[in-house]
Amino acid sequence: MRRIALAAVLAVLAGPVLADTPVTRLMDQEMRALRAISGDRMASYLSRPETEIRYSSAWLDQQDTAEGGAQWRCLAEALYFEARGESVKGQFAVAEVIMNRVDDSNYPDTICGVIHQGTGRKYQCQFTYTCDGHADVIAEREAFETVGKVARLMVDGAPRSLTSGATHYHTRSVSPRWARQFPRTASIGVHHFYRQPTRLSSN
């Protein structure tokens, strides 16, 4: 099944160019985005296992305590500092943004790389907690255990169905300049979610 899916994608990518209409221009934009995904990333995307997720505290509480390697830890820490006060659904939504960036050729191809991109320059990083000058202390162990479960599920390939491919988010209390140019894909809890537009080449 996975080989068939990959073959179908490759067939679409290699297909003929259609007449120039608004619909085909949109299709062309999506095709360019697909072509920008490396073979390894595409294979990883197509081979993700389907996991039934229920976005509730009661369901998450029933899941085993999570642990993992460096990538899991990076995601768990990001969720702790960025979204521990959010609902379970809100935490999964923030995790989707990070995982979507991992799959996007505009960003590093590891979870830790995405989260720490720009770290070291105060307020120039991608995730504020990594460059706000405050020590990253995990003081709420129960909250960390909760986000750790979310992180484990996402690293293991849980579906990303909440934010429609979002690569950015911000809290409702701020209005960054980029938010006026990026299409909003969802609003969950205190966050608005956006997808970075595909940049078309000049030729």
N, C-alpha and C. Protein backbone atom coordinates (compact mmCIF):
# COMPACT_ATOMS: atom_id res chain seq x y z
N MET A 1 0.82 -1.20 0.00
CA MET A 1 0.00 0.00 0.00
C MET A 1 0.86 1.26 0.00
N ARG A 2 1.93 1.27 0.83
CA ARG A 2 2.79 2.45 0.89
C ARG A 2 3.50 2.65 -0.44
N ARG A 3 3.93 1.54 -1.11
CA ARG A 3 4.60 1.66 -2.40
C ARG A 3 3.65 2.22 -3.44
N ILE A 4 2.37 1.80 -3.37
CA ILE A 4 1.37 2.31 -4.30
C ILE A 4 1.18 3.81 -4.10
N ALA A 5 1.10 4.22 -2.82
CA ALA A 5 0.90 5.64 -2.51
C ALA A 5 2.08 6.45 -3.01
N LEU A 6 3.31 5.96 -2.80
CA LEU A 6 4.49 6.68 -3.26
C LEU A 6 4.50 6.75 -4.78
N ALA A 7 4.12 5.65 -5.44
CA ALA A 7 4.09 5.65 -6.90
C ALA A 7 3.07 6.65 -7.42
N ALA A 8 1.94 6.76 -6.73
CA ALA A 8 0.90 7.70 -7.15
C ALA A 8 1.39 9.13 -7.04
N VAL A 9 2.09 9.43 -5.96
CA VAL A 9 2.63 10.77 -5.78
C VAL A 9 3.64 11.08 -6.88
N LEU A 10 4.54 10.14 -7.14
CA LEU A 10 5.55 10.36 -8.17
C LEU A 10 4.91 10.53 -9.55
N ALA A 11 3.83 9.80 -9.80
CA ALA A 11 3.14 9.93 -11.08
C ALA A 11 2.53 11.31 -11.24
N VAL A 12 1.98 11.82 -10.15
CA VAL A 12 1.41 13.17 -10.18
C VAL A 12 2.49 14.20 -10.44
N LEU A 13 3.62 14.03 -9.76
CA LEU A 13 4.73 14.97 -9.91
C LEU A 13 5.26 14.99 -11.34
N ALA A 14 5.20 13.86 -12.00
CA ALA A 14 5.74 13.75 -13.35
C ALA A 14 4.71 14.02 -14.44
N GLY A 15 3.47 14.32 -14.03
CA GLY A 15 2.37 14.46 -14.98
C GLY A 15 2.52 15.70 -15.85
N PRO A 16 1.65 15.80 -16.91
CA PRO A 16 1.72 16.91 -17.85
C PRO A 16 1.24 18.22 -17.25
N VAL A 17 1.70 19.32 -17.80
CA VAL A 17 1.27 20.64 -17.36
C VAL A 17 -0.08 20.95 -18.02
N LEU A 18 -1.05 21.39 -17.23
CA LEU A 18 -2.39 21.65 -17.73
C LEU A 18 -2.53 23.11 -18.13
N ALA A 19 -3.68 23.44 -18.73
CA ALA A 19 -3.95 24.82 -19.15
C ALA A 19 -3.87 25.77 -17.96
N ASP A 20 -3.51 27.02 -18.24
CA ASP A 20 -3.31 28.01 -17.18
C ASP A 20 -4.66 28.55 -16.71
N THR A 21 -5.12 28.09 -15.55
CA THR A 21 -6.35 28.57 -14.92
C THR A 21 -6.05 28.78 -13.44
N PRO A 22 -6.92 29.48 -12.71
CA PRO A 22 -6.67 29.65 -11.26
C PRO A 22 -6.49 28.31 -10.55
N VAL A 23 -7.28 27.31 -10.95
CA VAL A 23 -7.17 26.01 -10.29
C VAL A 23 -5.83 25.35 -10.60
N THR A 24 -5.43 25.40 -11.88
CA THR A 24 -4.16 24.75 -12.22
C THR A 24 -2.97 25.51 -11.67
N ARG A 25 -3.11 26.83 -11.52
CA ARG A 25 -2.01 27.59 -10.88
C ARG A 25 -1.85 27.16 -9.43
N LEU A 26 -2.99 26.94 -8.75
CA LEU A 26 -2.94 26.46 -7.36
C LEU A 26 -2.33 25.06 -7.32
N MET A 27 -2.73 24.21 -8.27
CA MET A 27 -2.16 22.87 -8.34
C MET A 27 -0.66 22.94 -8.58
N ASP A 28 -0.24 23.84 -9.46
CA ASP A 28 1.18 23.99 -9.75
C ASP A 28 1.95 24.42 -8.51
N GLN A 29 1.34 25.30 -7.73
CA GLN A 29 1.97 25.76 -6.49
C GLN A 29 2.16 24.58 -5.53
N GLU A 30 1.12 23.74 -5.40
CA GLU A 30 1.22 22.59 -4.52
C GLU A 30 2.25 21.58 -5.05
N MET A 31 2.31 21.43 -6.38
CA MET A 31 3.27 20.50 -6.97
C MET A 31 4.70 20.94 -6.70
N ARG A 32 4.93 22.25 -6.78
CA ARG A 32 6.27 22.76 -6.49
C ARG A 32 6.66 22.45 -5.04
N ALA A 33 5.68 22.58 -4.15
CA ALA A 33 5.95 22.28 -2.74
C ALA A 33 6.28 20.80 -2.57
N LEU A 34 5.55 19.93 -3.27
CA LEU A 34 5.82 18.49 -3.19
C LEU A 34 7.19 18.15 -3.74
N ARG A 35 7.56 18.78 -4.85
CA ARG A 35 8.87 18.49 -5.46
C ARG A 35 10.02 18.93 -4.55
N ALA A 36 9.74 19.90 -3.68
CA ALA A 36 10.79 20.41 -2.78
C ALA A 36 11.06 19.45 -1.63
N ILE A 37 10.16 18.48 -1.42
CA ILE A 37 10.34 17.52 -0.33
C ILE A 37 11.32 16.44 -0.77
N SER A 38 12.32 16.19 0.03
CA SER A 38 13.32 15.18 -0.33
C SER A 38 12.68 13.79 -0.34
N GLY A 39 13.34 12.86 -1.01
CA GLY A 39 12.83 11.50 -1.09
C GLY A 39 12.66 10.86 0.27
N ASP A 40 13.62 11.08 1.17
CA ASP A 40 13.54 10.50 2.50
C ASP A 40 12.36 11.07 3.27
N ARG A 41 12.18 12.40 3.16
CA ARG A 41 11.06 13.02 3.87
C ARG A 41 9.73 12.54 3.32
N MET A 42 9.64 12.40 2.00
CA MET A 42 8.41 11.94 1.38
C MET A 42 8.09 10.52 1.82
N ALA A 43 9.10 9.65 1.82
CA ALA A 43 8.89 8.26 2.24
C ALA A 43 8.45 8.20 3.69
N SER A 44 9.07 9.04 4.53
CA SER A 44 8.70 9.07 5.94
C SER A 44 7.26 9.53 6.12
N TYR A 45 6.88 10.53 5.33
CA TYR A 45 5.51 11.06 5.41
C TYR A 45 4.49 10.00 5.01
N LEU A 46 4.78 9.28 3.92
CA LEU A 46 3.83 8.29 3.41
C LEU A 46 3.76 7.04 4.27
N SER A 47 4.81 6.79 5.06
CA SER A 47 4.84 5.56 5.84
C SER A 47 4.41 5.75 7.30
N ARG A 48 3.93 6.95 7.64
CA ARG A 48 3.51 7.17 9.02
C ARG A 48 2.35 6.24 9.38
N PRO A 49 2.40 5.61 10.52
CA PRO A 49 1.29 4.74 10.92
C PRO A 49 0.08 5.58 11.32
N GLU A 50 -1.10 5.01 11.09
CA GLU A 50 -2.32 5.69 11.52
C GLU A 50 -2.53 5.40 13.00
N THR A 51 -2.72 6.44 13.78
CA THR A 51 -2.93 6.29 15.20
C THR A 51 -4.22 7.00 15.58
N GLU A 52 -5.12 6.30 16.23
CA GLU A 52 -6.38 6.93 16.64
C GLU A 52 -6.13 7.79 17.86
N ILE A 53 -6.37 9.06 17.72
CA ILE A 53 -6.13 10.00 18.81
C ILE A 53 -7.45 10.59 19.29
N ARG A 54 -7.62 10.66 20.58
CA ARG A 54 -8.76 11.36 21.16
C ARG A 54 -8.20 12.54 21.94
N TYR A 55 -8.62 13.71 21.57
CA TYR A 55 -8.03 14.92 22.15
C TYR A 55 -8.71 15.28 23.46
N SER A 56 -8.52 14.41 24.45
CA SER A 56 -9.10 14.66 25.76
C SER A 56 -8.11 14.26 26.85
N SER A 57 -8.21 14.92 27.97
CA SER A 57 -7.33 14.60 29.11
C SER A 57 -7.59 13.18 29.59
N ALA A 58 -8.86 12.77 29.59
CA ALA A 58 -9.19 11.43 30.07
C ALA A 58 -8.50 10.36 29.22
N TRP A 59 -8.52 10.55 27.89
CA TRP A 59 -7.88 9.58 27.00
C TRP A 59 -6.37 9.60 27.18
N LEU A 60 -5.80 10.80 27.25
CA LEU A 60 -4.34 10.91 27.37
C LEU A 60 -3.86 10.33 28.69
N ASP A 61 -4.64 10.50 29.75
CA ASP A 61 -4.26 9.95 31.05
C ASP A 61 -4.13 8.43 31.02
N GLN A 62 -4.85 7.79 30.10
CA GLN A 62 -4.82 6.33 30.01
C GLN A 62 -3.58 5.81 29.26
N GLN A 63 -2.87 6.71 28.60
CA GLN A 63 -1.69 6.30 27.84
C GLN A 63 -0.50 6.10 28.77
N ASP A 64 0.39 5.21 28.35
CA ASP A 64 1.57 4.91 29.16
C ASP A 64 2.46 6.14 29.31
N THR A 65 3.13 6.23 30.44
CA THR A 65 4.11 7.29 30.62
C THR A 65 5.16 7.20 29.52
N ALA A 66 5.47 8.35 28.94
CA ALA A 66 6.33 8.35 27.75
C ALA A 66 7.78 8.66 28.09
N GLU A 67 8.65 8.16 27.25
CA GLU A 67 10.06 8.51 27.30
C GLU A 67 10.62 8.33 25.90
N GLY A 68 11.86 8.75 25.71
CA GLY A 68 12.44 8.63 24.38
C GLY A 68 13.80 9.27 24.31
N GLY A 69 14.28 9.42 23.09
CA GLY A 69 15.60 9.98 22.86
C GLY A 69 15.59 11.48 22.77
N ALA A 70 16.62 12.01 22.14
CA ALA A 70 16.82 13.47 22.10
C ALA A 70 15.70 14.19 21.37
N GLN A 71 15.20 13.62 20.26
CA GLN A 71 14.15 14.29 19.49
C GLN A 71 12.85 14.36 20.29
N TRP A 72 12.52 13.26 20.95
CA TRP A 72 11.34 13.26 21.83
C TRP A 72 11.50 14.31 22.93
N ARG A 73 12.66 14.36 23.54
CA ARG A 73 12.89 15.31 24.63
C ARG A 73 12.74 16.75 24.14
N CYS A 74 13.28 17.06 22.98
CA CYS A 74 13.16 18.41 22.44
C CYS A 74 11.70 18.80 22.25
N LEU A 75 10.91 17.88 21.69
CA LEU A 75 9.51 18.18 21.45
C LEU A 75 8.74 18.30 22.76
N ALA A 76 9.02 17.43 23.70
CA ALA A 76 8.35 17.49 25.01
C ALA A 76 8.66 18.81 25.72
N GLU A 77 9.91 19.23 25.67
CA GLU A 77 10.27 20.50 26.32
C GLU A 77 9.60 21.68 25.62
N ALA A 78 9.55 21.66 24.30
CA ALA A 78 8.90 22.75 23.57
C ALA A 78 7.42 22.83 23.94
N LEU A 79 6.76 21.69 24.04
CA LEU A 79 5.34 21.69 24.41
C LEU A 79 5.15 22.16 25.85
N TYR A 80 6.08 21.80 26.70
CA TYR A 80 5.99 22.24 28.10
C TYR A 80 6.07 23.76 28.19
N PHE A 81 7.06 24.34 27.55
CA PHE A 81 7.26 25.79 27.68
C PHE A 81 6.32 26.61 26.79
N GLU A 82 5.84 26.02 25.71
CA GLU A 82 4.99 26.76 24.78
C GLU A 82 3.50 26.51 25.00
N ALA A 83 3.12 25.34 25.55
CA ALA A 83 1.70 24.99 25.52
C ALA A 83 1.20 24.19 26.71
N ARG A 84 1.94 24.14 27.81
CA ARG A 84 1.48 23.29 28.91
C ARG A 84 0.16 23.75 29.51
N GLY A 85 -0.18 25.03 29.36
CA GLY A 85 -1.44 25.54 29.89
C GLY A 85 -2.60 25.36 28.94
N GLU A 86 -2.33 24.83 27.75
CA GLU A 86 -3.37 24.62 26.76
C GLU A 86 -4.10 23.30 26.99
N SER A 87 -5.22 23.13 26.33
CA SER A 87 -5.93 21.86 26.34
C SER A 87 -5.08 20.81 25.63
N VAL A 88 -5.46 19.55 25.76
CA VAL A 88 -4.76 18.48 25.05
C VAL A 88 -4.79 18.76 23.55
N LYS A 89 -5.92 19.20 23.05
CA LYS A 89 -6.04 19.52 21.62
C LYS A 89 -5.08 20.63 21.24
N GLY A 90 -4.97 21.64 22.09
CA GLY A 90 -4.05 22.75 21.82
C GLY A 90 -2.61 22.30 21.83
N GLN A 91 -2.26 21.37 22.71
CA GLN A 91 -0.89 20.86 22.76
C GLN A 91 -0.56 20.05 21.50
N PHE A 92 -1.50 19.24 21.05
CA PHE A 92 -1.28 18.50 19.81
C PHE A 92 -1.13 19.47 18.63
N ALA A 93 -1.90 20.55 18.64
CA ALA A 93 -1.84 21.52 17.54
C ALA A 93 -0.46 22.17 17.47
N VAL A 94 0.09 22.56 18.60
CA VAL A 94 1.44 23.14 18.62
C VAL A 94 2.45 22.10 18.15
N ALA A 95 2.29 20.87 18.58
CA ALA A 95 3.20 19.81 18.13
C ALA A 95 3.11 19.61 16.62
N GLU A 96 1.92 19.76 16.05
CA GLU A 96 1.77 19.64 14.60
C GLU A 96 2.63 20.67 13.87
N VAL A 97 2.63 21.90 14.37
CA VAL A 97 3.43 22.95 13.73
C VAL A 97 4.90 22.54 13.68
N ILE A 98 5.40 22.05 14.79
CA ILE A 98 6.81 21.66 14.84
C ILE A 98 7.09 20.51 13.89
N MET A 99 6.22 19.51 13.88
CA MET A 99 6.43 18.37 13.00
C MET A 99 6.26 18.75 11.53
N ASN A 100 5.33 19.68 11.25
CA ASN A 100 5.18 20.15 9.87
C ASN A 100 6.44 20.86 9.39
N ARG A 101 7.09 21.58 10.28
CA ARG A 101 8.34 22.25 9.90
C ARG A 101 9.44 21.24 9.61
N VAL A 102 9.47 20.16 10.38
CA VAL A 102 10.48 19.13 10.13
C VAL A 102 10.34 18.60 8.70
N ASP A 103 9.12 18.51 8.21
CA ASP A 103 8.86 17.99 6.87
C ASP A 103 8.98 19.05 5.78
N ASP A 104 9.15 20.29 6.17
CA ASP A 104 9.22 21.40 5.21
C ASP A 104 10.68 21.71 4.89
N SER A 105 11.01 21.76 3.61
CA SER A 105 12.41 21.97 3.21
C SER A 105 12.94 23.35 3.60
N ASN A 106 12.07 24.26 4.02
CA ASN A 106 12.52 25.58 4.45
C ASN A 106 13.11 25.57 5.86
N TYR A 107 12.98 24.44 6.56
CA TYR A 107 13.40 24.36 7.96
C TYR A 107 14.31 23.16 8.16
N PRO A 108 15.00 23.10 9.30
CA PRO A 108 15.84 21.93 9.59
C PRO A 108 15.01 20.64 9.56
N ASP A 109 15.67 19.51 9.31
CA ASP A 109 14.94 18.27 9.15
C ASP A 109 14.93 17.39 10.39
N THR A 110 15.19 17.98 11.55
CA THR A 110 15.04 17.26 12.81
C THR A 110 14.21 18.11 13.76
N ILE A 111 13.59 17.47 14.74
CA ILE A 111 12.77 18.20 15.71
C ILE A 111 13.63 19.18 16.49
N CYS A 112 14.77 18.71 16.99
CA CYS A 112 15.64 19.60 17.77
C CYS A 112 16.15 20.75 16.91
N GLY A 113 16.46 20.48 15.64
CA GLY A 113 16.92 21.53 14.74
C GLY A 113 15.87 22.60 14.53
N VAL A 114 14.62 22.18 14.35
CA VAL A 114 13.52 23.14 14.17
C VAL A 114 13.34 23.99 15.42
N ILE A 115 13.30 23.35 16.57
CA ILE A 115 13.02 24.06 17.82
C ILE A 115 14.12 25.05 18.17
N HIS A 116 15.36 24.70 17.91
CA HIS A 116 16.47 25.56 18.31
C HIS A 116 17.01 26.43 17.18
N GLN A 117 16.29 26.50 16.09
CA GLN A 117 16.71 27.36 14.98
C GLN A 117 16.74 28.82 15.44
N GLY A 118 17.88 29.46 15.30
CA GLY A 118 18.00 30.86 15.70
C GLY A 118 18.34 31.07 17.16
N THR A 119 18.39 30.00 17.95
CA THR A 119 18.71 30.14 19.38
C THR A 119 20.11 30.74 19.54
N GLY A 120 20.25 31.63 20.49
CA GLY A 120 21.53 32.31 20.72
C GLY A 120 21.43 33.79 20.40
N ARG A 121 20.40 34.17 19.65
CA ARG A 121 20.14 35.58 19.35
C ARG A 121 18.85 35.96 20.06
N LYS A 122 18.93 36.82 21.03
CA LYS A 122 17.77 37.11 21.87
C LYS A 122 16.60 37.60 21.02
N TYR A 123 15.47 36.92 21.20
CA TYR A 123 14.22 37.21 20.51
C TYR A 123 14.33 37.09 18.98
N GLN A 124 15.34 36.39 18.49
CA GLN A 124 15.46 36.13 17.06
C GLN A 124 15.24 34.65 16.74
N CYS A 125 14.87 33.89 17.75
CA CYS A 125 14.68 32.46 17.56
C CYS A 125 13.25 32.16 17.10
N GLN A 126 13.00 30.92 16.76
CA GLN A 126 11.68 30.51 16.29
C GLN A 126 10.70 30.29 17.44
N PHE A 127 11.20 29.83 18.57
CA PHE A 127 10.38 29.56 19.74
C PHE A 127 10.95 30.34 20.91
N THR A 128 10.17 31.29 21.39
CA THR A 128 10.65 32.32 22.31
C THR A 128 11.37 31.76 23.53
N TYR A 129 10.89 30.65 24.07
CA TYR A 129 11.48 30.14 25.31
C TYR A 129 12.96 29.79 25.14
N THR A 130 13.40 29.55 23.90
CA THR A 130 14.80 29.16 23.69
C THR A 130 15.75 30.36 23.67
N CYS A 131 15.21 31.58 23.67
CA CYS A 131 16.11 32.74 23.59
C CYS A 131 15.60 33.94 24.38
N ASP A 132 14.77 33.69 25.40
CA ASP A 132 14.23 34.82 26.16
C ASP A 132 15.09 35.19 27.37
N GLY A 133 16.20 34.49 27.53
CA GLY A 133 17.10 34.81 28.63
C GLY A 133 16.75 34.17 29.95
N HIS A 134 15.63 33.44 30.01
CA HIS A 134 15.22 32.77 31.24
C HIS A 134 15.69 31.32 31.24
N ALA A 135 16.02 30.83 32.41
CA ALA A 135 16.44 29.43 32.52
C ALA A 135 15.25 28.52 32.22
N ASP A 136 15.49 27.46 31.45
CA ASP A 136 14.43 26.53 31.08
C ASP A 136 14.32 25.45 32.15
N VAL A 137 13.58 25.75 33.20
CA VAL A 137 13.44 24.84 34.34
C VAL A 137 12.07 24.17 34.28
N ILE A 138 12.06 22.86 34.30
CA ILE A 138 10.79 22.12 34.31
C ILE A 138 10.40 21.88 35.75
N ALA A 139 9.49 22.71 36.24
CA ALA A 139 9.11 22.68 37.65
C ALA A 139 7.81 21.91 37.89
N GLU A 140 7.02 21.72 36.85
CA GLU A 140 5.73 21.04 36.99
C GLU A 140 5.84 19.66 36.36
N ARG A 141 6.18 18.68 37.18
CA ARG A 141 6.46 17.34 36.66
C ARG A 141 5.22 16.70 36.04
N GLU A 142 4.05 16.94 36.61
CA GLU A 142 2.84 16.34 36.06
C GLU A 142 2.54 16.91 34.67
N ALA A 143 2.74 18.22 34.52
CA ALA A 143 2.51 18.85 33.23
C ALA A 143 3.51 18.31 32.20
N PHE A 144 4.75 18.08 32.61
CA PHE A 144 5.75 17.55 31.69
C PHE A 144 5.40 16.12 31.29
N GLU A 145 4.87 15.35 32.22
CA GLU A 145 4.47 13.98 31.90
C GLU A 145 3.36 13.99 30.84
N THR A 146 2.45 14.95 30.97
CA THR A 146 1.35 15.05 30.01
C THR A 146 1.86 15.39 28.62
N VAL A 147 2.67 16.44 28.53
CA VAL A 147 3.17 16.84 27.19
C VAL A 147 4.13 15.79 26.64
N GLY A 148 4.78 15.05 27.53
CA GLY A 148 5.65 13.98 27.07
C GLY A 148 4.88 12.91 26.32
N LYS A 149 3.65 12.64 26.76
CA LYS A 149 2.81 11.67 26.07
C LYS A 149 2.42 12.20 24.68
N VAL A 150 2.08 13.47 24.62
CA VAL A 150 1.74 14.09 23.34
C VAL A 150 2.94 13.99 22.39
N ALA A 151 4.11 14.34 22.92
CA ALA A 151 5.33 14.29 22.11
C ALA A 151 5.61 12.89 21.60
N ARG A 152 5.43 11.88 22.45
CA ARG A 152 5.69 10.50 22.04
C ARG A 152 4.77 10.09 20.91
N LEU A 153 3.49 10.43 21.02
CA LEU A 153 2.52 10.08 19.98
C LEU A 153 2.86 10.77 18.66
N MET A 154 3.27 12.03 18.74
CA MET A 154 3.58 12.76 17.52
C MET A 154 4.86 12.24 16.87
N VAL A 155 5.87 11.96 17.65
CA VAL A 155 7.12 11.40 17.11
C VAL A 155 6.85 10.04 16.46
N ASP A 156 5.91 9.29 17.04
CA ASP A 156 5.59 7.96 16.51
C ASP A 156 4.68 8.01 15.28
N GLY A 157 4.26 9.21 14.88
CA GLY A 157 3.51 9.31 13.64
C GLY A 157 2.02 9.54 13.77
N ALA A 158 1.58 10.13 14.87
CA ALA A 158 0.15 10.43 15.01
C ALA A 158 -0.31 11.35 13.89
N PRO A 159 -1.56 11.23 13.46
CA PRO A 159 -2.09 12.09 12.39
C PRO A 159 -2.00 13.56 12.76
N ARG A 160 -1.89 14.40 11.74
CA ARG A 160 -1.86 15.85 11.94
C ARG A 160 -3.09 16.45 11.27
N SER A 161 -4.19 16.39 11.95
CA SER A 161 -5.46 16.77 11.34
C SER A 161 -6.07 18.03 11.91
N LEU A 162 -5.37 18.69 12.81
CA LEU A 162 -5.96 19.83 13.51
C LEU A 162 -5.69 21.18 12.84
N THR A 163 -4.54 21.33 12.21
CA THR A 163 -4.12 22.67 11.78
C THR A 163 -3.94 22.82 10.27
N SER A 164 -4.30 21.82 9.49
CA SER A 164 -4.23 21.89 8.03
C SER A 164 -2.85 22.31 7.53
N GLY A 165 -1.83 21.67 8.07
CA GLY A 165 -0.47 21.92 7.59
C GLY A 165 0.18 23.18 8.12
N ALA A 166 -0.29 23.71 9.24
CA ALA A 166 0.27 24.96 9.77
C ALA A 166 1.75 24.85 10.08
N THR A 167 2.47 25.92 9.80
CA THR A 167 3.89 26.00 10.12
C THR A 167 4.20 27.12 11.11
N HIS A 168 3.18 27.89 11.49
CA HIS A 168 3.35 29.02 12.40
C HIS A 168 2.15 29.13 13.34
N TYR A 169 2.37 29.74 14.47
CA TYR A 169 1.27 30.07 15.37
C TYR A 169 1.67 31.25 16.23
N HIS A 170 0.69 31.91 16.80
CA HIS A 170 0.96 32.95 17.79
C HIS A 170 -0.22 33.02 18.74
N THR A 171 -0.02 33.61 19.90
CA THR A 171 -1.12 33.76 20.84
C THR A 171 -2.05 34.86 20.37
N ARG A 172 -3.28 34.81 20.83
CA ARG A 172 -4.28 35.79 20.42
C ARG A 172 -3.92 37.20 20.89
N SER A 173 -3.02 37.31 21.86
CA SER A 173 -2.70 38.62 22.44
C SER A 173 -1.70 39.42 21.62
N VAL A 174 -1.12 38.81 20.58
CA VAL A 174 -0.16 39.52 19.74
C VAL A 174 -0.60 39.45 18.29
N SER A 175 0.01 40.30 17.46
CA SER A 175 -0.32 40.31 16.03
C SER A 175 0.95 40.53 15.22
N PRO A 176 1.72 39.46 14.99
CA PRO A 176 2.98 39.60 14.23
C PRO A 176 2.71 40.01 12.79
N ARG A 177 3.68 40.66 12.19
CA ARG A 177 3.53 41.16 10.83
C ARG A 177 3.23 40.04 9.83
N TRP A 178 3.90 38.90 9.99
CA TRP A 178 3.72 37.82 9.03
C TRP A 178 2.30 37.28 9.03
N ALA A 179 1.56 37.46 10.13
CA ALA A 179 0.21 36.92 10.22
C ALA A 179 -0.74 37.58 9.23
N ARG A 180 -0.38 38.76 8.73
CA ARG A 180 -1.22 39.44 7.75
C ARG A 180 -1.03 38.88 6.34
N GLN A 181 0.03 38.09 6.16
CA GLN A 181 0.33 37.54 4.84
C GLN A 181 0.11 36.04 4.74
N PHE A 182 0.12 35.34 5.87
CA PHE A 182 -0.03 33.90 5.87
C PHE A 182 -1.51 33.53 6.05
N PRO A 183 -2.01 32.54 5.34
CA PRO A 183 -3.40 32.11 5.54
C PRO A 183 -3.57 31.44 6.91
N ARG A 184 -4.60 31.85 7.64
CA ARG A 184 -4.89 31.22 8.93
C ARG A 184 -5.60 29.91 8.68
N THR A 185 -5.16 28.86 9.34
CA THR A 185 -5.74 27.53 9.13
C THR A 185 -6.58 27.03 10.29
N ALA A 186 -6.37 27.59 11.49
CA ALA A 186 -7.12 27.12 12.66
C ALA A 186 -6.93 28.10 13.81
N SER A 187 -7.86 28.06 14.75
CA SER A 187 -7.74 28.78 16.02
C SER A 187 -8.13 27.80 17.11
N ILE A 188 -7.18 27.49 17.98
CA ILE A 188 -7.40 26.50 19.03
C ILE A 188 -6.87 27.07 20.34
N GLY A 189 -7.71 27.15 21.33
CA GLY A 189 -7.30 27.70 22.62
C GLY A 189 -6.85 29.14 22.46
N VAL A 190 -5.67 29.47 22.97
CA VAL A 190 -5.18 30.85 22.91
C VAL A 190 -4.33 31.10 21.67
N HIS A 191 -4.25 30.13 20.76
CA HIS A 191 -3.38 30.26 19.60
C HIS A 191 -4.15 30.33 18.28
N HIS A 192 -3.63 31.14 17.35
CA HIS A 192 -4.02 31.12 15.95
C HIS A 192 -2.92 30.39 15.19
N PHE A 193 -3.31 29.60 14.18
CA PHE A 193 -2.36 28.80 13.41
C PHE A 193 -2.39 29.22 11.94
N TYR A 194 -1.21 29.19 11.30
CA TYR A 194 -1.06 29.67 9.94
C TYR A 194 -0.16 28.74 9.14
N ARG A 195 -0.37 28.73 7.83
CA ARG A 195 0.50 27.98 6.93
C ARG A 195 1.30 28.96 6.09
N GLN A 196 2.61 28.78 6.09
CA GLN A 196 3.48 29.65 5.30
C GLN A 196 3.21 29.44 3.82
N PRO A 197 2.95 30.51 3.06
CA PRO A 197 2.67 30.34 1.63
C PRO A 197 3.86 29.73 0.91
N THR A 198 3.57 28.93 -0.11
CA THR A 198 4.63 28.36 -0.94
C THR A 198 5.25 29.47 -1.77
N ARG A 199 6.57 29.54 -1.77
CA ARG A 199 7.27 30.56 -2.55
C ARG A 199 7.52 30.03 -3.95
N LEU A 200 6.93 30.68 -4.92
CA LEU A 200 7.11 30.25 -6.30
C LEU A 200 8.42 30.79 -6.84
N SER A 201 9.05 30.03 -7.72
CA SER A 201 10.29 30.48 -8.31
C SER A 201 10.00 31.60 -9.32
N SER A 202 11.01 32.36 -9.69
CA SER A 202 10.82 33.50 -10.56
C SER A 202 10.78 33.14 -12.04
N ASN A 203 11.12 31.87 -12.39
CA ASN A 203 11.14 31.51 -13.81
C ASN A 203 9.78 31.02 -14.29
